[in-house]
Amino acid sequence: MSEKEIIQLHKADKLIEQRLYLEAAGYLDTLYEVYPDDDYLCFITGLCMSYNPNKAPKA
């Protein structure tokens, strides 16, 4: 498995984790559907991801 594939899997895991957290916190599912971009979701909820491969230094 390539490094890129590992990063993509990690991001998917983090998005699932964030969605579960939002659901547990009582946020509406539509919030995630309307704003699927995790950076914007972070901005409007204050729940930021600890790892964002889009902002990772380029190898």
PDB file of N, CA and C in Angstrom:
ATOM      1  N   MET A   1       0.850  -1.184   0.000  1.00  0.00           N
ATOM      2  CA  MET A   1       0.000   0.000   0.000  1.00  0.00           C
ATOM      3  C   MET A   1       0.893   1.244   0.000  1.00  0.00           C
ATOM      4  N   SER A   2       0.552   2.176  -0.881  1.00  0.00           N
ATOM      5  CA  SER A   2       1.375   3.375  -1.001  1.00  0.00           C
ATOM      6  C   SER A   2       1.086   4.366   0.128  1.00  0.00           C
ATOM      7  N   GLU A   3       1.998   5.302   0.291  1.00  0.00           N
ATOM      8  CA  GLU A   3       1.811   6.330   1.322  1.00  0.00           C
ATOM      9  C   GLU A   3       0.541   7.137   1.050  1.00  0.00           C
ATOM     10  N   LYS A   4       0.294   7.418  -0.246  1.00  0.00           N
ATOM     11  CA  LYS A   4      -0.909   8.176  -0.609  1.00  0.00           C
ATOM     12  C   LYS A   4      -2.179   7.417  -0.210  1.00  0.00           C
ATOM     13  N   GLU A   5      -2.202   6.110  -0.439  1.00  0.00           N
ATOM     14  CA  GLU A   5      -3.366   5.295  -0.069  1.00  0.00           C
ATOM     15  C   GLU A   5      -3.567   5.291   1.446  1.00  0.00           C
ATOM     16  N   ILE A   6      -2.473   5.203   2.184  1.00  0.00           N
ATOM     17  CA  ILE A   6      -2.551   5.212   3.650  1.00  0.00           C
ATOM     18  C   ILE A   6      -3.127   6.546   4.128  1.00  0.00           C
ATOM     19  N   ILE A   7      -2.662   7.641   3.535  1.00  0.00           N
ATOM     20  CA  ILE A   7      -3.163   8.968   3.907  1.00  0.00           C
ATOM     21  C   ILE A   7      -4.656   9.083   3.602  1.00  0.00           C
ATOM     22  N   GLN A   8      -5.081   8.557   2.436  1.00  0.00           N
ATOM     23  CA  GLN A   8      -6.502   8.615   2.074  1.00  0.00           C
ATOM     24  C   GLN A   8      -7.347   7.814   3.051  1.00  0.00           C
ATOM     25  N   LEU A   9      -6.874   6.638   3.440  1.00  0.00           N
ATOM     26  CA  LEU A   9      -7.597   5.815   4.412  1.00  0.00           C
ATOM     27  C   LEU A   9      -7.679   6.526   5.761  1.00  0.00           C
ATOM     28  N   HIS A  10      -6.567   7.151   6.158  1.00  0.00           N
ATOM     29  CA  HIS A  10      -6.535   7.863   7.437  1.00  0.00           C
ATOM     30  C   HIS A  10      -7.543   9.013   7.424  1.00  0.00           C
ATOM     31  N   LYS A  11      -7.595   9.739   6.316  1.00  0.00           N
ATOM     32  CA  LYS A  11      -8.538  10.854   6.208  1.00  0.00           C
ATOM     33  C   LYS A  11      -9.973  10.339   6.276  1.00  0.00           C
ATOM     34  N   ALA A  12     -10.264   9.237   5.601  1.00  0.00           N
ATOM     35  CA  ALA A  12     -11.614   8.662   5.641  1.00  0.00           C
ATOM     36  C   ALA A  12     -11.977   8.261   7.068  1.00  0.00           C
ATOM     37  N   ASP A  13     -11.033   7.641   7.771  1.00  0.00           N
ATOM     38  CA  ASP A  13     -11.272   7.255   9.167  1.00  0.00           C
ATOM     39  C   ASP A  13     -11.567   8.483  10.024  1.00  0.00           C
ATOM     40  N   LYS A  14     -10.800   9.556   9.815  1.00  0.00           N
ATOM     41  CA  LYS A  14     -10.992  10.763  10.612  1.00  0.00           C
ATOM     42  C   LYS A  14     -12.335  11.418  10.300  1.00  0.00           C
ATOM     43  N   LEU A  15     -12.761  11.388   9.026  1.00  0.00           N
ATOM     44  CA  LEU A  15     -14.054  11.970   8.674  1.00  0.00           C
ATOM     45  C   LEU A  15     -15.193  11.183   9.309  1.00  0.00           C
ATOM     46  N   ILE A  16     -15.067   9.853   9.318  1.00  0.00           N
ATOM     47  CA  ILE A  16     -16.079   9.014   9.962  1.00  0.00           C
ATOM     48  C   ILE A  16     -16.114   9.312  11.457  1.00  0.00           C
ATOM     49  N   GLU A  17     -14.929   9.415  12.057  1.00  0.00           N
ATOM     50  CA  GLU A  17     -14.826   9.716  13.491  1.00  0.00           C
ATOM     51  C   GLU A  17     -15.470  11.070  13.798  1.00  0.00           C
ATOM     52  N   GLN A  18     -15.204  12.055  12.947  1.00  0.00           N
ATOM     53  CA  GLN A  18     -15.766  13.391  13.161  1.00  0.00           C
ATOM     54  C   GLN A  18     -17.288  13.365  13.012  1.00  0.00           C
ATOM     55  N   ARG A  19     -17.774  12.637  12.015  1.00  0.00           N
ATOM     56  CA  ARG A  19     -19.226  12.559  11.814  1.00  0.00           C
ATOM     57  C   ARG A  19     -19.899  11.914  13.029  1.00  0.00           C
ATOM     58  N   LEU A  20     -19.313  10.845  13.549  1.00  0.00           N
ATOM     59  CA  LEU A  20     -19.874  10.185  14.728  1.00  0.00           C
ATOM     60  C   LEU A  20     -19.873  11.133  15.926  1.00  0.00           C
ATOM     61  N   TYR A  21     -18.797  11.922  16.043  1.00  0.00           N
ATOM     62  CA  TYR A  21     -18.718  12.888  17.142  1.00  0.00           C
ATOM     63  C   TYR A  21     -19.824  13.939  17.014  1.00  0.00           C
ATOM     64  N   LEU A  22     -20.028  14.437  15.798  1.00  0.00           N
ATOM     65  CA  LEU A  22     -21.073  15.438  15.571  1.00  0.00           C
ATOM     66  C   LEU A  22     -22.452  14.864  15.875  1.00  0.00           C
ATOM     67  N   GLU A  23     -22.687  13.615  15.448  1.00  0.00           N
ATOM     68  CA  GLU A  23     -23.977  12.979  15.717  1.00  0.00           C
ATOM     69  C   GLU A  23     -24.178  12.812  17.224  1.00  0.00           C
ATOM     70  N   ALA A  24     -23.120  12.403  17.916  1.00  0.00           N
ATOM     71  CA  ALA A  24     -23.206  12.212  19.363  1.00  0.00           C
ATOM     72  C   ALA A  24     -23.441  13.544  20.075  1.00  0.00           C
ATOM     73  N   ALA A  25     -22.903  14.622  19.503  1.00  0.00           N
ATOM     74  CA  ALA A  25     -23.055  15.942  20.106  1.00  0.00           C
ATOM     75  C   ALA A  25     -24.411  16.568  19.768  1.00  0.00           C
ATOM     76  N   GLY A  26     -25.203  15.875  18.937  1.00  0.00           N
ATOM     77  CA  GLY A  26     -26.543  16.350  18.628  1.00  0.00           C
ATOM     78  C   GLY A  26     -26.646  17.254  17.413  1.00  0.00           C
ATOM     79  N   TYR A  27     -25.564  17.357  16.615  1.00  0.00           N
ATOM     80  CA  TYR A  27     -25.650  18.155  15.395  1.00  0.00           C
ATOM     81  C   TYR A  27     -26.479  17.411  14.356  1.00  0.00           C
ATOM     82  N   LEU A  28     -27.167  18.148  13.519  1.00  0.00           N
ATOM     83  CA  LEU A  28     -27.987  17.545  12.480  1.00  0.00           C
ATOM     84  C   LEU A  28     -27.114  16.915  11.400  1.00  0.00           C
ATOM     85  N   ASP A  29     -27.570  15.778  10.883  1.00  0.00           N
ATOM     86  CA  ASP A  29     -26.866  15.143   9.767  1.00  0.00           C
ATOM     87  C   ASP A  29     -26.760  16.087   8.577  1.00  0.00           C
ATOM     88  N   THR A  30     -27.762  16.939   8.394  1.00  0.00           N
ATOM     89  CA  THR A  30     -27.748  17.830   7.236  1.00  0.00           C
ATOM     90  C   THR A  30     -26.567  18.790   7.276  1.00  0.00           C
ATOM     91  N   LEU A  31     -26.064  19.082   8.457  1.00  0.00           N
ATOM     92  CA  LEU A  31     -24.893  19.951   8.568  1.00  0.00           C
ATOM     93  C   LEU A  31     -23.725  19.350   7.800  1.00  0.00           C
ATOM     94  N   TYR A  32     -23.528  18.047   7.956  1.00  0.00           N
ATOM     95  CA  TYR A  32     -22.431  17.368   7.275  1.00  0.00           C
ATOM     96  C   TYR A  32     -22.712  17.243   5.781  1.00  0.00           C
ATOM     97  N   GLU A  33     -23.986  17.040   5.427  1.00  0.00           N
ATOM     98  CA  GLU A  33     -24.332  16.874   4.014  1.00  0.00           C
ATOM     99  C   GLU A  33     -24.208  18.189   3.244  1.00  0.00           C
ATOM    100  N   VAL A  34     -24.560  19.296   3.896  1.00  0.00           N
ATOM    101  CA  VAL A  34     -24.483  20.599   3.237  1.00  0.00           C
ATOM    102  C   VAL A  34     -23.041  21.096   3.174  1.00  0.00           C
ATOM    103  N   TYR A  35     -22.263  20.773   4.211  1.00  0.00           N
ATOM    104  CA  TYR A  35     -20.872  21.216   4.273  1.00  0.00           C
ATOM    105  C   TYR A  35     -19.939  20.011   4.376  1.00  0.00           C
ATOM    106  N   PRO A  36     -19.762  19.255   3.272  1.00  0.00           N
ATOM    107  CA  PRO A  36     -18.930  18.052   3.344  1.00  0.00           C
ATOM    108  C   PRO A  36     -17.432  18.350   3.487  1.00  0.00           C
ATOM    109  N   ASP A  37     -17.019  19.590   3.187  1.00  0.00           N
ATOM    110  CA  ASP A  37     -15.600  19.926   3.283  1.00  0.00           C
ATOM    111  C   ASP A  37     -15.214  20.048   4.756  1.00  0.00           C
ATOM    112  N   ASP A  38     -14.257  19.227   5.181  1.00  0.00           N
ATOM    113  CA  ASP A  38     -13.942  19.177   6.613  1.00  0.00           C
ATOM    114  C   ASP A  38     -13.351  20.480   7.144  1.00  0.00           C
ATOM    115  N   ASP A  39     -12.669  21.264   6.284  1.00  0.00           N
ATOM    116  CA  ASP A  39     -12.131  22.538   6.752  1.00  0.00           C
ATOM    117  C   ASP A  39     -13.265  23.494   7.112  1.00  0.00           C
ATOM    118  N   TYR A  40     -14.307  23.527   6.274  1.00  0.00           N
ATOM    119  CA  TYR A  40     -15.429  24.424   6.559  1.00  0.00           C
ATOM    120  C   TYR A  40     -16.238  23.907   7.743  1.00  0.00           C
ATOM    121  N   LEU A  41     -16.397  22.602   7.816  1.00  0.00           N
ATOM    122  CA  LEU A  41     -17.087  22.005   8.960  1.00  0.00           C
ATOM    123  C   LEU A  41     -16.341  22.352  10.244  1.00  0.00           C
ATOM    124  N   CYS A  42     -15.021  22.310  10.184  1.00  0.00           N
ATOM    125  CA  CYS A  42     -14.186  22.697  11.321  1.00  0.00           C
ATOM    126  C   CYS A  42     -14.469  24.152  11.694  1.00  0.00           C
ATOM    127  N   PHE A  43     -14.543  25.017  10.700  1.00  0.00           N
ATOM    128  CA  PHE A  43     -14.753  26.449  10.941  1.00  0.00           C
ATOM    129  C   PHE A  43     -16.099  26.715  11.608  1.00  0.00           C
ATOM    130  N   ILE A  44     -17.169  26.040  11.133  1.00  0.00           N
ATOM    131  CA  ILE A  44     -18.494  26.364  11.653  1.00  0.00           C
ATOM    132  C   ILE A  44     -18.828  25.631  12.944  1.00  0.00           C
ATOM    133  N   THR A  45     -18.081  24.588  13.275  1.00  0.00           N
ATOM    134  CA  THR A  45     -18.381  23.838  14.496  1.00  0.00           C
ATOM    135  C   THR A  45     -17.302  23.960  15.555  1.00  0.00           C
ATOM    136  N   GLY A  46     -16.084  24.362  15.147  1.00  0.00           N
ATOM    137  CA  GLY A  46     -14.972  24.408  16.081  1.00  0.00           C
ATOM    138  C   GLY A  46     -14.376  23.038  16.352  1.00  0.00           C
ATOM    139  N   LEU A  47     -14.869  22.013  15.638  1.00  0.00           N
ATOM    140  CA  LEU A  47     -14.332  20.662  15.814  1.00  0.00           C
ATOM    141  C   LEU A  47     -13.353  20.387  14.686  1.00  0.00           C
ATOM    142  N   CYS A  48     -12.088  20.688  14.945  1.00  0.00           N
ATOM    143  CA  CYS A  48     -11.087  20.569  13.896  1.00  0.00           C
ATOM    144  C   CYS A  48     -10.464  19.180  13.882  1.00  0.00           C
ATOM    145  N   MET A  49     -10.030  18.796  12.698  1.00  0.00           N
ATOM    146  CA  MET A  49      -9.340  17.519  12.553  1.00  0.00           C
ATOM    147  C   MET A  49      -7.883  17.734  12.961  1.00  0.00           C
ATOM    148  N   SER A  50      -7.311  16.754  13.630  1.00  0.00           N
ATOM    149  CA  SER A  50      -5.918  16.888  14.043  1.00  0.00           C
ATOM    150  C   SER A  50      -4.977  16.651  12.868  1.00  0.00           C
ATOM    151  N   TYR A  51      -5.480  16.010  11.808  1.00  0.00           N
ATOM    152  CA  TYR A  51      -4.626  15.689  10.666  1.00  0.00           C
ATOM    153  C   TYR A  51      -5.383  15.983   9.391  1.00  0.00           C
ATOM    154  N   ASN A  52      -4.808  16.801   8.543  1.00  0.00           N
ATOM    155  CA  ASN A  52      -5.426  17.103   7.255  1.00  0.00           C
ATOM    156  C   ASN A  52      -4.380  16.932   6.169  1.00  0.00           C
ATOM    157  N   PRO A  53      -4.468  15.844   5.381  1.00  0.00           N
ATOM    158  CA  PRO A  53      -3.445  15.591   4.361  1.00  0.00           C
ATOM    159  C   PRO A  53      -3.367  16.698   3.316  1.00  0.00           C
ATOM    160  N   ASN A  54      -4.443  17.467   3.140  1.00  0.00           N
ATOM    161  CA  ASN A  54      -4.402  18.567   2.184  1.00  0.00           C
ATOM    162  C   ASN A  54      -3.450  19.669   2.635  1.00  0.00           C
ATOM    163  N   LYS A  55      -3.200  19.742   3.944  1.00  0.00           N
ATOM    164  CA  LYS A  55      -2.311  20.778   4.466  1.00  0.00           C
ATOM    165  C   LYS A  55      -0.944  20.217   4.863  1.00  0.00           C
ATOM    166  N   ALA A  56      -0.784  18.918   4.650  1.00  0.00           N
ATOM    167  CA  ALA A  56       0.494  18.292   4.996  1.00  0.00           C
ATOM    168  C   ALA A  56       1.574  18.777   4.033  1.00  0.00           C
ATOM    169  N   PRO A  57       2.812  18.879   4.500  1.00  0.00           N
ATOM    170  CA  PRO A  57       3.900  19.277   3.603  1.00  0.00           C
ATOM    171  C   PRO A  57       4.023  18.292   2.447  1.00  0.00           C
ATOM    172  N   LYS A  58       4.294  18.828   1.269  1.00  0.00           N
ATOM    173  CA  LYS A  58       4.464  17.966   0.097  1.00  0.00           C
ATOM    174  C   LYS A  58       5.787  17.222   0.198  1.00  0.00           C
ATOM    175  N   ALA A  59       5.746  15.932  -0.096  1.00  0.00           N
ATOM    176  CA  ALA A  59       6.964  15.114  -0.007  1.00  0.00           C
ATOM    177  C   ALA A  59       7.863  15.405  -1.197  1.00  0.00           C
TER     178      ALA A  59
END
